[in-house]
Amino acid sequence: MASGLAVITTDWNSNKEFIHNNFNGKIVQPNNSVSLAEAIDFYSFHRDSLLEHRMNSINSAKEYHADTLLPRYLQTLN
């Protein structure tokens, strides 16, 4: 996300906590090559959405930066 990529991933483990479908990427069905191909095709033909999702990825990644998280942790400890 910090690299400015629209992420294509499966609904595995905690991915939905970081990747929000149609916001900063696409969540596809596990073990489904058709679903993966559809997500790739979507970004190939919808460049505006690709650029929007890339910017959303960059902004989402900022939420996990140490400068953002450390003050929250310190406040919780106090």
Protein backbone atom coordinates (compact mmCIF):
# COMPACT_ATOMS: atom_id res chain seq x y z
CA MET A 1 0.00 0.00 0.00
CA ALA A 2 2.80 2.43 0.84
CA SER A 3 4.15 1.89 -2.68
CA GLY A 4 0.96 3.30 -4.13
CA LEU A 5 -0.44 0.07 -5.46
CA ALA A 6 -4.04 -0.95 -5.80
CA VAL A 7 -3.87 -4.28 -4.00
CA ILE A 8 -5.51 -7.43 -5.31
CA THR A 9 -5.77 -10.03 -2.57
CA THR A 10 -7.95 -12.84 -1.26
CA ASP A 11 -10.10 -12.76 1.85
CA TRP A 12 -7.48 -14.52 3.95
CA ASN A 13 -6.41 -13.95 7.51
CA SER A 14 -6.67 -10.20 8.28
CA ASN A 15 -6.57 -8.81 4.74
CA LYS A 16 -10.01 -7.20 5.07
CA GLU A 17 -8.68 -5.07 7.92
CA PHE A 18 -6.26 -3.38 5.53
CA ILE A 19 -7.70 -3.78 2.04
CA HIS A 20 -11.19 -2.41 1.51
CA ASN A 21 -12.82 -3.73 -1.63
CA ASN A 22 -13.26 -1.04 -4.28
CA PHE A 23 -11.49 1.54 -2.10
CA ASN A 24 -7.77 0.69 -2.07
CA GLY A 25 -7.90 -2.59 -3.94
CA LYS A 26 -9.92 -5.65 -4.82
CA ILE A 27 -10.65 -8.70 -2.69
CA VAL A 28 -11.05 -11.80 -4.81
CA GLN A 29 -12.28 -15.28 -3.99
CA PRO A 30 -9.56 -17.70 -2.84
CA ASN A 31 -8.50 -20.35 -5.35
CA ASN A 32 -10.53 -18.69 -8.10
CA SER A 33 -8.49 -17.72 -11.12
CA VAL A 34 -11.56 -16.24 -12.83
CA SER A 35 -12.08 -13.85 -9.91
CA LEU A 36 -8.41 -12.87 -10.07
CA ALA A 37 -8.58 -12.31 -13.82
CA GLU A 38 -11.69 -10.15 -13.41
CA ALA A 39 -9.91 -7.93 -10.87
CA ILE A 40 -6.91 -7.54 -13.17
CA ASP A 41 -9.20 -6.79 -16.13
CA PHE A 42 -11.08 -4.24 -14.05
CA TYR A 43 -7.93 -2.23 -13.43
CA SER A 44 -6.85 -2.64 -17.05
CA PHE A 45 -10.06 -1.06 -18.34
CA HIS A 46 -10.86 1.36 -15.51
CA ARG A 47 -7.75 3.52 -15.21
CA ASP A 48 -9.56 6.21 -13.22
CA SER A 49 -10.46 3.65 -10.55
CA LEU A 50 -6.91 2.34 -10.58
CA LEU A 51 -5.51 5.80 -9.90
CA GLU A 52 -8.09 6.47 -7.19
CA HIS A 53 -7.39 3.16 -5.46
CA ARG A 54 -3.64 3.79 -5.67
CA MET A 55 -4.03 7.14 -3.91
CA ASN A 56 -6.33 5.55 -1.34
CA SER A 57 -3.65 2.91 -0.69
CA ILE A 58 -1.03 5.57 -0.02
CA ASN A 59 -3.36 7.42 2.34
CA SER A 60 -4.38 4.17 4.07
CA ALA A 61 -0.73 3.21 4.63
CA LYS A 62 -0.17 6.49 6.49
CA GLU A 63 -2.52 5.22 9.21
CA TYR A 64 0.05 2.52 10.06
CA HIS A 65 3.14 4.75 10.07
CA ALA A 66 5.05 4.90 13.36
CA ASP A 67 4.49 8.67 13.59
CA THR A 68 0.76 8.00 13.64
CA LEU A 69 0.67 4.88 15.80
CA LEU A 70 3.27 5.68 18.45
CA PRO A 71 1.34 8.62 20.00
CA ARG A 72 -1.75 6.41 20.19
CA TYR A 73 0.18 3.67 21.98
CA LEU A 74 1.76 6.12 24.39
CA GLN A 75 -1.62 7.67 25.17
CA THR A 76 -3.03 4.21 25.89
CA LEU A 77 -0.16 3.45 28.28
CA ASN A 78 -0.59 6.68 30.24
